[in-house]
Amino acid sequence: MEVRPHHGSTWARRQHPNRLPATYRRLQGVQHLLAFYDVHQDILWGYNRPRKRWQELLEVLHRLRRRYPGDERIYLVLDNFSPHKRKEIRVWARMNNVRLVWTPTNASWLNRIECQFTELKKFVFDNTNYHSHREVRNAIIKFLTYRNRRNKKRKNINLKRH
């Protein structure tokens, strides 16, 4: 994620469109969202990190493991990004009752988290001009909180109907 203006749409009155400011220099660098999606509970969460190496991944995996009882096996679907395949990650997974499942090359659509990013991009990035990574991170947290609460209510309403 970069701190830069993004095109988008809005429900504002039609006028001359606002021009996006030029971003020739991006002094703040990039941030990476390491995200997880629990398909059973329909919960999406993520952690922003300045880098996406195996060390950051391992740190976030520790947080993931703490969310579930230790005797409960976690099946973690991953793409073929090289830090995911590090020996340290595979050893940690074996020691912590986590099963790593790899998507086939060029088949990211098989990973159920990918479709969750469409809504995140629309709500967080469309028609924005953030000034810092902190603003982006706060917007992501706000969206994830809203999304998970909304989907939990939907799930409860559907359970009551049946």
N, C-alpha and C. Protein backbone atom coordinates (compact mmCIF):
# COMPACT_ATOMS: atom_id res chain seq x y z
N MET A 1 0.84 -1.17 0.00
CA MET A 1 0.00 0.00 0.00
C MET A 1 0.89 1.23 0.00
N GLU A 2 0.58 2.14 -0.88
CA GLU A 2 1.32 3.39 -0.95
C GLU A 2 0.44 4.53 -0.48
N VAL A 3 1.06 5.55 0.06
CA VAL A 3 0.33 6.76 0.41
C VAL A 3 0.31 7.61 -0.85
N ARG A 4 -0.81 7.53 -1.56
CA ARG A 4 -0.98 8.29 -2.79
C ARG A 4 -2.46 8.42 -3.07
N PRO A 5 -2.85 9.40 -3.87
CA PRO A 5 -4.27 9.55 -4.20
C PRO A 5 -4.77 8.39 -5.05
N HIS A 6 -6.05 8.05 -4.87
CA HIS A 6 -6.67 6.98 -5.64
C HIS A 6 -7.94 7.52 -6.31
N HIS A 7 -8.14 7.13 -7.56
CA HIS A 7 -9.38 7.47 -8.25
C HIS A 7 -10.53 6.72 -7.59
N GLY A 8 -11.71 7.22 -7.81
CA GLY A 8 -12.87 6.53 -7.27
C GLY A 8 -14.14 7.26 -7.67
N SER A 9 -15.24 6.85 -7.09
CA SER A 9 -16.52 7.48 -7.38
C SER A 9 -17.12 7.97 -6.07
N THR A 10 -18.08 8.88 -6.22
CA THR A 10 -18.72 9.44 -5.04
C THR A 10 -20.15 9.83 -5.40
N TRP A 11 -20.96 10.11 -4.39
CA TRP A 11 -22.33 10.53 -4.61
C TRP A 11 -22.46 12.05 -4.61
N ALA A 12 -21.39 12.75 -4.89
CA ALA A 12 -21.40 14.22 -4.88
C ALA A 12 -22.08 14.75 -6.14
N ARG A 13 -22.47 16.04 -6.08
CA ARG A 13 -23.06 16.70 -7.24
C ARG A 13 -22.06 16.72 -8.38
N ARG A 14 -22.56 16.66 -9.62
CA ARG A 14 -21.67 16.71 -10.78
C ARG A 14 -21.09 18.10 -10.93
N GLN A 15 -19.79 18.15 -11.04
CA GLN A 15 -19.06 19.40 -11.27
C GLN A 15 -17.84 19.04 -12.09
N HIS A 16 -16.93 19.97 -12.14
CA HIS A 16 -15.64 19.63 -12.73
C HIS A 16 -14.96 18.64 -11.78
N PRO A 17 -14.41 17.58 -12.30
CA PRO A 17 -13.79 16.60 -11.41
C PRO A 17 -12.55 17.16 -10.72
N ASN A 18 -12.37 16.76 -9.48
CA ASN A 18 -11.15 17.13 -8.78
C ASN A 18 -9.99 16.39 -9.42
N ARG A 19 -8.92 17.09 -9.60
CA ARG A 19 -7.74 16.44 -10.16
C ARG A 19 -6.94 15.81 -9.03
N LEU A 20 -6.39 14.66 -9.32
CA LEU A 20 -5.54 14.02 -8.33
C LEU A 20 -4.18 14.73 -8.32
N PRO A 21 -3.65 15.02 -7.14
CA PRO A 21 -2.34 15.65 -7.09
C PRO A 21 -1.26 14.72 -7.63
N ALA A 22 -0.24 15.30 -8.19
CA ALA A 22 0.88 14.51 -8.69
C ALA A 22 1.66 13.90 -7.52
N THR A 23 2.16 12.73 -7.74
CA THR A 23 2.94 12.06 -6.68
C THR A 23 4.25 11.57 -7.29
N TYR A 24 5.07 12.50 -7.67
CA TYR A 24 6.34 12.13 -8.28
C TYR A 24 7.29 11.51 -7.27
N ARG A 25 7.18 11.97 -6.05
CA ARG A 25 8.07 11.47 -5.00
C ARG A 25 7.22 10.86 -3.90
N ARG A 26 7.49 9.63 -3.60
CA ARG A 26 6.76 8.94 -2.52
C ARG A 26 7.75 8.71 -1.38
N LEU A 27 7.80 9.66 -0.50
CA LEU A 27 8.81 9.64 0.55
C LEU A 27 8.47 8.69 1.69
N GLN A 28 7.23 8.25 1.78
CA GLN A 28 6.83 7.42 2.91
C GLN A 28 6.95 5.92 2.64
N GLY A 29 7.36 5.54 1.46
CA GLY A 29 7.54 4.12 1.17
C GLY A 29 6.21 3.38 1.08
N VAL A 30 6.26 2.10 1.28
CA VAL A 30 5.07 1.26 1.20
C VAL A 30 4.86 0.53 2.52
N GLN A 31 3.64 0.07 2.72
CA GLN A 31 3.30 -0.80 3.84
C GLN A 31 2.64 -2.03 3.25
N HIS A 32 2.69 -3.12 3.97
CA HIS A 32 2.10 -4.36 3.52
C HIS A 32 1.04 -4.80 4.51
N LEU A 33 -0.08 -5.28 3.99
CA LEU A 33 -1.14 -5.82 4.83
C LEU A 33 -1.04 -7.33 4.81
N LEU A 34 -0.71 -7.90 5.96
CA LEU A 34 -0.70 -9.36 6.11
C LEU A 34 -2.05 -9.73 6.68
N ALA A 35 -2.90 -10.32 5.86
CA ALA A 35 -4.30 -10.52 6.24
C ALA A 35 -4.65 -12.00 6.35
N PHE A 36 -5.68 -12.27 7.16
CA PHE A 36 -6.19 -13.62 7.38
C PHE A 36 -7.71 -13.58 7.28
N TYR A 37 -8.27 -14.66 6.77
CA TYR A 37 -9.72 -14.77 6.64
C TYR A 37 -10.15 -16.11 7.21
N ASP A 38 -11.02 -16.06 8.20
CA ASP A 38 -11.58 -17.27 8.80
C ASP A 38 -12.88 -17.56 8.06
N VAL A 39 -12.87 -18.61 7.23
CA VAL A 39 -14.03 -18.91 6.39
C VAL A 39 -15.23 -19.38 7.21
N HIS A 40 -14.99 -20.00 8.36
CA HIS A 40 -16.10 -20.52 9.17
C HIS A 40 -16.82 -19.40 9.91
N GLN A 41 -16.06 -18.46 10.46
CA GLN A 41 -16.67 -17.36 11.22
C GLN A 41 -16.88 -16.12 10.36
N ASP A 42 -16.41 -16.13 9.11
CA ASP A 42 -16.49 -14.99 8.20
C ASP A 42 -15.87 -13.74 8.84
N ILE A 43 -14.67 -13.90 9.34
CA ILE A 43 -13.94 -12.79 9.96
C ILE A 43 -12.67 -12.53 9.17
N LEU A 44 -12.42 -11.27 8.90
CA LEU A 44 -11.22 -10.84 8.19
C LEU A 44 -10.44 -9.93 9.11
N TRP A 45 -9.15 -10.17 9.24
CA TRP A 45 -8.32 -9.27 10.02
C TRP A 45 -6.95 -9.21 9.39
N GLY A 46 -6.19 -8.17 9.74
CA GLY A 46 -4.88 -8.02 9.14
C GLY A 46 -3.98 -7.14 9.97
N TYR A 47 -2.71 -7.20 9.64
CA TYR A 47 -1.68 -6.44 10.34
C TYR A 47 -0.82 -5.73 9.31
N ASN A 48 -0.61 -4.44 9.51
CA ASN A 48 0.25 -3.66 8.62
C ASN A 48 1.70 -3.80 9.06
N ARG A 49 2.56 -3.98 8.10
CA ARG A 49 3.99 -4.08 8.37
C ARG A 49 4.75 -3.32 7.28
N PRO A 50 5.88 -2.73 7.64
CA PRO A 50 6.66 -2.01 6.63
C PRO A 50 7.35 -2.94 5.63
N ARG A 51 7.52 -4.20 6.00
CA ARG A 51 8.14 -5.17 5.10
C ARG A 51 7.33 -6.46 5.12
N LYS A 52 7.59 -7.30 4.13
CA LYS A 52 6.87 -8.57 4.06
C LYS A 52 7.88 -9.70 3.85
N ARG A 53 8.74 -9.85 4.85
CA ARG A 53 9.72 -10.92 4.83
C ARG A 53 9.21 -12.06 5.71
N TRP A 54 9.96 -13.14 5.77
CA TRP A 54 9.53 -14.29 6.57
C TRP A 54 9.48 -13.93 8.06
N GLN A 55 10.32 -12.99 8.52
CA GLN A 55 10.31 -12.61 9.93
C GLN A 55 8.99 -11.95 10.31
N GLU A 56 8.51 -11.05 9.47
CA GLU A 56 7.22 -10.40 9.73
C GLU A 56 6.08 -11.41 9.64
N LEU A 57 6.18 -12.31 8.68
CA LEU A 57 5.15 -13.34 8.55
C LEU A 57 5.11 -14.22 9.80
N LEU A 58 6.26 -14.61 10.29
CA LEU A 58 6.30 -15.45 11.49
C LEU A 58 5.71 -14.72 12.70
N GLU A 59 6.02 -13.44 12.83
CA GLU A 59 5.45 -12.64 13.93
C GLU A 59 3.92 -12.63 13.86
N VAL A 60 3.38 -12.45 12.67
CA VAL A 60 1.93 -12.39 12.49
C VAL A 60 1.30 -13.77 12.68
N LEU A 61 2.01 -14.82 12.30
CA LEU A 61 1.51 -16.17 12.51
C LEU A 61 1.39 -16.49 14.00
N HIS A 62 2.30 -15.97 14.80
CA HIS A 62 2.19 -16.14 16.26
C HIS A 62 0.88 -15.52 16.75
N ARG A 63 0.54 -14.36 16.24
CA ARG A 63 -0.72 -13.70 16.62
C ARG A 63 -1.92 -14.53 16.16
N LEU A 64 -1.84 -15.08 14.96
CA LEU A 64 -2.91 -15.93 14.45
C LEU A 64 -3.11 -17.15 15.36
N ARG A 65 -2.05 -17.79 15.73
CA ARG A 65 -2.15 -19.00 16.56
C ARG A 65 -2.81 -18.70 17.90
N ARG A 66 -2.55 -17.53 18.47
CA ARG A 66 -3.14 -17.16 19.76
C ARG A 66 -4.65 -16.95 19.69
N ARG A 67 -5.20 -16.78 18.51
CA ARG A 67 -6.64 -16.57 18.35
C ARG A 67 -7.45 -17.86 18.49
N TYR A 68 -6.79 -19.00 18.41
CA TYR A 68 -7.48 -20.29 18.42
C TYR A 68 -6.84 -21.20 19.47
N PRO A 69 -7.63 -22.13 20.03
CA PRO A 69 -7.06 -23.09 20.98
C PRO A 69 -5.92 -23.88 20.34
N GLY A 70 -4.90 -24.19 21.12
CA GLY A 70 -3.72 -24.88 20.60
C GLY A 70 -3.99 -26.25 20.02
N ASP A 71 -5.02 -26.93 20.53
CA ASP A 71 -5.32 -28.27 20.02
C ASP A 71 -6.17 -28.24 18.75
N GLU A 72 -6.62 -27.06 18.35
CA GLU A 72 -7.41 -26.91 17.13
C GLU A 72 -6.48 -26.71 15.95
N ARG A 73 -6.58 -27.59 14.96
CA ARG A 73 -5.71 -27.47 13.78
C ARG A 73 -6.19 -26.32 12.90
N ILE A 74 -5.25 -25.55 12.41
CA ILE A 74 -5.53 -24.44 11.50
C ILE A 74 -5.03 -24.83 10.11
N TYR A 75 -5.89 -24.73 9.12
CA TYR A 75 -5.50 -24.92 7.73
C TYR A 75 -5.30 -23.54 7.14
N LEU A 76 -4.08 -23.23 6.77
CA LEU A 76 -3.72 -21.90 6.29
C LEU A 76 -3.42 -21.98 4.80
N VAL A 77 -4.27 -21.32 3.99
CA VAL A 77 -4.08 -21.31 2.55
C VAL A 77 -3.16 -20.17 2.19
N LEU A 78 -2.09 -20.48 1.48
CA LEU A 78 -1.07 -19.50 1.12
C LEU A 78 -0.78 -19.56 -0.37
N ASP A 79 -0.35 -18.41 -0.91
CA ASP A 79 0.11 -18.43 -2.30
C ASP A 79 1.58 -18.85 -2.30
N ASN A 80 2.20 -18.81 -3.43
CA ASN A 80 3.56 -19.30 -3.56
C ASN A 80 4.62 -18.22 -3.39
N PHE A 81 4.31 -17.20 -2.60
CA PHE A 81 5.27 -16.15 -2.30
C PHE A 81 6.43 -16.76 -1.51
N SER A 82 7.66 -16.46 -1.88
CA SER A 82 8.82 -17.16 -1.33
C SER A 82 8.93 -17.11 0.20
N PRO A 83 8.62 -16.00 0.90
CA PRO A 83 8.70 -16.05 2.37
C PRO A 83 7.75 -17.07 3.00
N HIS A 84 6.64 -17.38 2.33
CA HIS A 84 5.72 -18.38 2.85
C HIS A 84 6.34 -19.77 2.89
N LYS A 85 7.31 -20.00 2.02
CA LYS A 85 7.90 -21.34 1.89
C LYS A 85 9.19 -21.52 2.67
N ARG A 86 9.58 -20.52 3.43
CA ARG A 86 10.82 -20.61 4.21
C ARG A 86 10.78 -21.79 5.18
N LYS A 87 11.93 -22.37 5.40
CA LYS A 87 12.03 -23.51 6.30
C LYS A 87 11.53 -23.14 7.70
N GLU A 88 11.86 -21.94 8.17
CA GLU A 88 11.45 -21.50 9.50
C GLU A 88 9.92 -21.46 9.63
N ILE A 89 9.24 -21.05 8.58
CA ILE A 89 7.78 -20.99 8.59
C ILE A 89 7.21 -22.41 8.63
N ARG A 90 7.75 -23.30 7.80
CA ARG A 90 7.26 -24.67 7.76
C ARG A 90 7.49 -25.40 9.08
N VAL A 91 8.65 -25.16 9.70
CA VAL A 91 8.94 -25.78 11.00
C VAL A 91 7.99 -25.25 12.06
N TRP A 92 7.79 -23.93 12.08
CA TRP A 92 6.87 -23.33 13.06
C TRP A 92 5.47 -23.92 12.90
N ALA A 93 5.01 -24.04 11.64
CA ALA A 93 3.67 -24.57 11.39
C ALA A 93 3.54 -25.99 11.92
N ARG A 94 4.54 -26.82 11.66
CA ARG A 94 4.51 -28.20 12.15
C ARG A 94 4.45 -28.25 13.67
N MET A 95 5.18 -27.38 14.33
CA MET A 95 5.25 -27.37 15.80
C MET A 95 3.99 -26.79 16.44
N ASN A 96 3.17 -26.05 15.66
CA ASN A 96 2.03 -25.33 16.23
C ASN A 96 0.68 -25.77 15.67
N ASN A 97 0.63 -27.00 15.15
CA ASN A 97 -0.63 -27.57 14.68
C ASN A 97 -1.28 -26.71 13.58
N VAL A 98 -0.45 -26.22 12.66
CA VAL A 98 -0.92 -25.43 11.52
C VAL A 98 -0.55 -26.19 10.26
N ARG A 99 -1.52 -26.40 9.41
CA ARG A 99 -1.29 -27.10 8.15
C ARG A 99 -1.24 -26.05 7.04
N LEU A 100 -0.12 -25.99 6.32
CA LEU A 100 0.03 -25.05 5.22
C LEU A 100 -0.48 -25.69 3.94
N VAL A 101 -1.37 -24.99 3.25
CA VAL A 101 -1.96 -25.46 2.00
C VAL A 101 -1.61 -24.44 0.93
N TRP A 102 -1.03 -24.90 -0.17
CA TRP A 102 -0.54 -23.99 -1.21
C TRP A 102 -1.53 -23.91 -2.36
N THR A 103 -1.79 -22.70 -2.84
CA THR A 103 -2.59 -22.56 -4.05
C THR A 103 -1.70 -22.88 -5.24
N PRO A 104 -2.26 -23.42 -6.31
CA PRO A 104 -1.44 -23.66 -7.51
C PRO A 104 -0.93 -22.33 -8.08
N THR A 105 0.17 -22.37 -8.75
CA THR A 105 0.73 -21.17 -9.37
C THR A 105 -0.31 -20.57 -10.32
N ASN A 106 -0.42 -19.26 -10.31
CA ASN A 106 -1.36 -18.51 -11.15
C ASN A 106 -2.81 -18.88 -10.89
N ALA A 107 -3.14 -19.23 -9.67
CA ALA A 107 -4.53 -19.57 -9.33
C ALA A 107 -4.93 -18.92 -8.02
N SER A 108 -4.63 -17.63 -7.89
CA SER A 108 -4.95 -16.93 -6.65
C SER A 108 -6.46 -16.93 -6.38
N TRP A 109 -7.27 -17.07 -7.42
CA TRP A 109 -8.73 -17.09 -7.26
C TRP A 109 -9.20 -18.26 -6.41
N LEU A 110 -8.34 -19.28 -6.21
CA LEU A 110 -8.70 -20.40 -5.34
C LEU A 110 -8.60 -20.04 -3.86
N ASN A 111 -7.89 -18.97 -3.55
CA ASN A 111 -7.74 -18.54 -2.17
C ASN A 111 -8.94 -17.66 -1.81
N ARG A 112 -9.72 -18.07 -0.82
CA ARG A 112 -10.97 -17.38 -0.49
C ARG A 112 -10.76 -15.96 0.03
N ILE A 113 -9.55 -15.61 0.43
CA ILE A 113 -9.31 -14.26 0.94
C ILE A 113 -9.26 -13.23 -0.20
N GLU A 114 -8.91 -13.66 -1.40
CA GLU A 114 -8.71 -12.71 -2.49
C GLU A 114 -9.97 -11.88 -2.78
N CYS A 115 -11.14 -12.51 -2.76
CA CYS A 115 -12.37 -11.77 -3.04
C CYS A 115 -12.71 -10.80 -1.91
N GLN A 116 -12.18 -11.02 -0.73
CA GLN A 116 -12.43 -10.09 0.39
C GLN A 116 -11.72 -8.76 0.16
N PHE A 117 -10.64 -8.77 -0.60
CA PHE A 117 -9.87 -7.54 -0.83
C PHE A 117 -10.60 -6.56 -1.74
N THR A 118 -11.52 -7.03 -2.56
CA THR A 118 -12.27 -6.13 -3.45
C THR A 118 -13.06 -5.13 -2.62
N GLU A 119 -13.77 -5.62 -1.62
CA GLU A 119 -14.55 -4.74 -0.76
C GLU A 119 -13.63 -3.82 0.05
N LEU A 120 -12.54 -4.35 0.55
CA LEU A 120 -11.60 -3.53 1.32
C LEU A 120 -11.06 -2.39 0.46
N LYS A 121 -10.66 -2.69 -0.77
CA LYS A 121 -10.15 -1.65 -1.66
C LYS A 121 -11.20 -0.58 -1.93
N LYS A 122 -12.43 -1.00 -2.15
CA LYS A 122 -13.50 -0.04 -2.45
C LYS A 122 -13.76 0.87 -1.26
N PHE A 123 -13.89 0.30 -0.07
CA PHE A 123 -14.23 1.09 1.10
C PHE A 123 -13.05 1.93 1.60
N VAL A 124 -11.85 1.41 1.50
CA VAL A 124 -10.70 2.09 2.10
C VAL A 124 -9.97 2.99 1.12
N PHE A 125 -9.87 2.59 -0.14
CA PHE A 125 -8.99 3.32 -1.05
C PHE A 125 -9.69 4.14 -2.13
N ASP A 126 -10.88 3.76 -2.57
CA ASP A 126 -11.53 4.50 -3.66
C ASP A 126 -11.78 5.95 -3.26
N ASN A 127 -11.38 6.86 -4.15
CA ASN A 127 -11.64 8.29 -3.99
C ASN A 127 -11.01 8.85 -2.71
N THR A 128 -9.76 8.49 -2.45
CA THR A 128 -9.07 8.95 -1.23
C THR A 128 -7.76 9.64 -1.57
N ASN A 129 -7.29 10.39 -0.61
CA ASN A 129 -5.97 11.01 -0.69
C ASN A 129 -5.39 11.05 0.72
N TYR A 130 -4.94 9.90 1.21
CA TYR A 130 -4.36 9.83 2.55
C TYR A 130 -3.01 10.54 2.57
N HIS A 131 -2.66 11.03 3.75
CA HIS A 131 -1.40 11.76 3.89
C HIS A 131 -0.34 10.98 4.65
N SER A 132 -0.72 9.87 5.27
CA SER A 132 0.26 9.07 6.00
C SER A 132 -0.20 7.62 6.07
N HIS A 133 0.75 6.75 6.38
CA HIS A 133 0.41 5.34 6.55
C HIS A 133 -0.48 5.14 7.77
N ARG A 134 -0.35 6.00 8.74
CA ARG A 134 -1.21 5.91 9.93
C ARG A 134 -2.67 6.11 9.55
N GLU A 135 -2.95 7.07 8.66
CA GLU A 135 -4.32 7.29 8.19
C GLU A 135 -4.84 6.06 7.45
N VAL A 136 -4.01 5.46 6.61
CA VAL A 136 -4.41 4.26 5.87
C VAL A 136 -4.69 3.12 6.85
N ARG A 137 -3.78 2.94 7.80
CA ARG A 137 -3.95 1.86 8.79
C ARG A 137 -5.23 2.05 9.59
N ASN A 138 -5.52 3.28 10.02
CA ASN A 138 -6.75 3.55 10.77
C ASN A 138 -7.99 3.28 9.93
N ALA A 139 -7.93 3.63 8.64
CA ALA A 139 -9.06 3.37 7.75
C ALA A 139 -9.27 1.87 7.57
N ILE A 140 -8.20 1.12 7.46
CA ILE A 140 -8.31 -0.34 7.32
C ILE A 140 -8.91 -0.94 8.59
N ILE A 141 -8.42 -0.52 9.74
CA ILE A 141 -8.95 -1.03 11.01
C ILE A 141 -10.43 -0.71 11.14
N LYS A 142 -10.79 0.52 10.79
CA LYS A 142 -12.19 0.93 10.86
C LYS A 142 -13.06 0.07 9.93
N PHE A 143 -12.57 -0.17 8.71
CA PHE A 143 -13.32 -0.99 7.78
C PHE A 143 -13.46 -2.42 8.28
N LEU A 144 -12.35 -3.02 8.75
CA LEU A 144 -12.39 -4.41 9.22
C LEU A 144 -13.35 -4.56 10.40
N THR A 145 -13.35 -3.60 11.30
CA THR A 145 -14.27 -3.63 12.44
C THR A 145 -15.71 -3.57 11.94
N TYR A 146 -15.99 -2.64 11.03
CA TYR A 146 -17.33 -2.51 10.45
C TYR A 146 -17.74 -3.80 9.73
N ARG A 147 -16.86 -4.31 8.89
CA ARG A 147 -17.16 -5.49 8.08
C ARG A 147 -17.46 -6.71 8.95
N ASN A 148 -16.61 -6.95 9.93
CA ASN A 148 -16.80 -8.13 10.78
C ASN A 148 -18.06 -8.02 11.63
N ARG A 149 -18.34 -6.83 12.13
CA ARG A 149 -19.56 -6.62 12.93
C ARG A 149 -20.80 -6.79 12.05
N ARG A 150 -20.77 -6.22 10.84
CA ARG A 150 -21.90 -6.33 9.91
C ARG A 150 -22.15 -7.79 9.54
N ASN A 151 -21.11 -8.52 9.22
CA ASN A 151 -21.28 -9.92 8.81
C ASN A 151 -21.72 -10.79 9.96
N LYS A 152 -21.30 -10.46 11.17
CA LYS A 152 -21.74 -11.22 12.35
C LYS A 152 -23.24 -11.02 12.56
N LYS A 153 -23.71 -9.77 12.38
CA LYS A 153 -25.15 -9.50 12.51
C LYS A 153 -25.94 -10.25 11.45
N ARG A 154 -25.44 -10.24 10.21
CA ARG A 154 -26.11 -10.96 9.12
C ARG A 154 -26.20 -12.45 9.43
N LYS A 155 -25.12 -13.00 9.94
CA LYS A 155 -25.08 -14.43 10.26
C LYS A 155 -26.09 -14.74 11.36
N ASN A 156 -26.17 -13.87 12.40
CA ASN A 156 -27.12 -14.09 13.49
C ASN A 156 -28.56 -13.99 13.01
N ILE A 157 -28.84 -13.07 12.12
CA ILE A 157 -30.21 -12.92 11.58
C ILE A 157 -30.58 -14.16 10.78
N ASN A 158 -29.64 -14.66 9.96
CA ASN A 158 -29.93 -15.86 9.15
C ASN A 158 -30.12 -17.08 10.03
N LEU A 159 -29.38 -17.18 11.14
CA LEU A 159 -29.55 -18.32 12.05
C LEU A 159 -30.92 -18.27 12.73
N LYS A 160 -31.40 -17.07 13.06
CA LYS A 160 -32.71 -16.94 13.72
C LYS A 160 -33.84 -17.31 12.77
N ARG A 161 -33.67 -17.04 11.47
CA ARG A 161 -34.71 -17.34 10.49
C ARG A 161 -34.90 -18.83 10.30
N HIS A 162 -33.85 -19.60 10.48
CA HIS A 162 -33.92 -21.05 10.20
C HIS A 162 -34.23 -21.81 11.43
